Amino acid sequence: MASQAVITVQPQFSVARQPGQWQTGLLDCCSDCGVCLCGTFCFFCLSCQVAGDMNECCLCGSSVAMRTLYRTKYNIPGSILGDFCSMWWCSPCALCQLKRDIKQRREMGIFW
């Protein structure tokens, strides 16, 4: 009787995630003036739009956790401390950057 080989280790398939990047800079307001005007004069409306885009509660749109979640999803380098500093000292700019990025990724067909 011939013995059968038992496979105990399966071959692994690994996809290395490439580091991502923001589509626009933090202070790149001229790339989408409509978003920047909304962020400047109606911050909470833009916050709710971002939260809605990410299927989260409207109150979470301008949070550090939202920015960190987005960075993690798209493998954008940074840290929670950087996210905190961006949201603390330049909330409208950080929120506008997030909205511009969502908008551009949606146009490219790569927004989750």
Protein backbone atom coordinates (compact mmCIF):
# COMPACT_ATOMS: atom_id res chain seq x y z
CA MET A 1 0.00 0.00 0.00
CA ALA A 2 1.37 3.43 -0.99
CA SER A 3 1.37 6.18 1.58
CA GLN A 4 -0.08 9.56 0.71
CA ALA A 5 1.78 12.76 1.40
CA VAL A 6 0.00 15.00 3.86
CA ILE A 7 0.38 18.69 3.25
CA THR A 8 0.72 20.55 6.53
CA VAL A 9 1.80 23.94 5.21
CA GLN A 10 -0.18 25.73 2.55
CA PRO A 11 1.50 28.09 0.12
CA GLN A 12 0.94 31.70 1.06
CA PHE A 13 -0.12 34.45 -1.28
CA SER A 14 0.82 37.88 -0.08
CA VAL A 15 0.08 41.25 -1.59
CA ALA A 16 2.38 43.94 -0.28
CA ARG A 17 0.47 47.16 0.15
CA GLN A 18 2.26 50.06 -1.42
CA PRO A 19 2.39 53.26 0.60
CA GLY A 20 -0.30 55.65 -0.50
CA GLN A 21 -0.39 59.39 -0.47
CA TRP A 22 -2.88 62.21 -0.12
CA GLN A 23 -4.26 63.33 -3.47
CA THR A 24 -3.81 66.98 -2.43
CA GLY A 25 -1.82 68.80 0.22
CA LEU A 26 -3.16 70.06 3.51
CA LEU A 27 -3.09 73.69 2.34
CA ASP A 28 -4.00 73.01 -1.30
CA CYS A 29 -7.28 74.95 -1.21
CA CYS A 30 -7.03 76.21 -4.78
CA SER A 31 -7.42 72.69 -6.17
CA ASP A 32 -11.13 72.67 -5.22
CA CYS A 33 -12.43 76.05 -4.14
CA GLY A 34 -15.98 74.75 -3.61
CA VAL A 35 -14.84 72.29 -0.95
CA CYS A 36 -12.69 74.93 0.74
CA LEU A 37 -15.50 77.48 0.80
CA CYS A 38 -17.81 74.88 2.33
CA GLY A 39 -15.15 73.96 4.91
CA THR A 40 -14.59 77.60 5.79
CA PHE A 41 -18.17 78.83 6.00
CA CYS A 42 -20.11 75.65 6.76
CA PHE A 43 -17.67 73.39 8.57
CA PHE A 44 -20.33 71.17 10.13
CA CYS A 45 -22.05 70.59 6.78
CA LEU A 46 -18.77 69.44 5.27
CA SER A 47 -18.12 67.29 8.33
CA CYS A 48 -21.46 65.54 7.82
CA GLN A 49 -20.69 65.04 4.11
CA VAL A 50 -17.36 63.38 4.92
CA ALA A 51 -18.98 61.18 7.56
CA GLY A 52 -21.72 60.21 5.11
CA ASP A 53 -19.12 59.36 2.45
CA MET A 54 -17.46 57.03 4.93
CA ASN A 55 -20.74 55.55 6.25
CA GLU A 56 -20.20 56.95 9.73
CA CYS A 57 -22.21 59.04 12.17
CA CYS A 58 -22.50 62.71 11.19
CA LEU A 59 -20.80 63.75 14.42
CA CYS A 60 -17.64 61.81 13.51
CA GLY A 61 -16.73 63.57 10.25
CA SER A 62 -14.22 65.96 11.72
CA SER A 63 -12.67 63.57 14.24
CA VAL A 64 -9.10 62.40 14.55
CA ALA A 65 -10.41 58.82 14.40
CA MET A 66 -12.03 59.47 10.99
CA ARG A 67 -8.81 60.89 9.56
CA THR A 68 -6.80 57.99 11.01
CA LEU A 69 -9.28 55.43 9.64
CA TYR A 70 -9.03 56.97 6.18
CA ARG A 71 -5.22 57.08 6.26
CA THR A 72 -5.09 53.46 7.37
CA LYS A 73 -7.53 52.32 4.69
CA TYR A 74 -5.48 53.92 1.91
CA ASN A 75 -2.09 53.19 3.51
CA ILE A 76 -1.18 56.88 3.69
CA PRO A 77 1.90 57.46 5.86
CA GLY A 78 1.38 59.42 9.04
CA SER A 79 0.56 58.99 12.70
CA ILE A 80 -2.30 59.52 15.09
CA LEU A 81 -0.31 62.40 16.57
CA GLY A 82 -0.06 63.99 13.12
CA ASP A 83 -3.79 63.49 12.61
CA PHE A 84 -4.48 65.05 15.99
CA CYS A 85 -2.28 68.07 15.25
CA SER A 86 -3.89 68.56 11.83
CA MET A 87 -7.39 68.40 13.26
CA TRP A 88 -6.57 70.52 16.33
CA TRP A 89 -4.68 73.40 14.72
CA CYS A 90 -6.13 73.40 11.23
CA SER A 91 -9.48 71.61 11.32
CA PRO A 92 -10.99 73.23 8.22
CA CYS A 93 -7.85 72.51 6.16
CA ALA A 94 -7.64 68.90 7.36
CA LEU A 95 -11.34 68.29 6.72
CA CYS A 96 -11.14 69.89 3.27
CA GLN A 97 -8.12 67.72 2.43
CA LEU A 98 -10.07 64.63 3.43
CA LYS A 99 -13.10 65.65 1.34
CA ARG A 100 -10.94 66.48 -1.70
CA ASP A 101 -9.23 63.11 -1.39
CA ILE A 102 -12.55 61.27 -1.19
CA LYS A 103 -13.83 63.19 -4.19
CA GLN A 104 -10.75 62.45 -6.30
CA ARG A 105 -10.62 58.76 -5.34
CA ARG A 106 -14.31 58.47 -6.21
CA GLU A 107 -13.63 60.00 -9.64
CA MET A 108 -10.78 57.50 -10.16
CA GLY A 109 -13.05 54.63 -9.10
CA ILE A 110 -10.89 53.61 -6.14
CA PHE A 111 -12.97 54.95 -3.25
CA TRP A 112 -14.28 52.17 -1.05
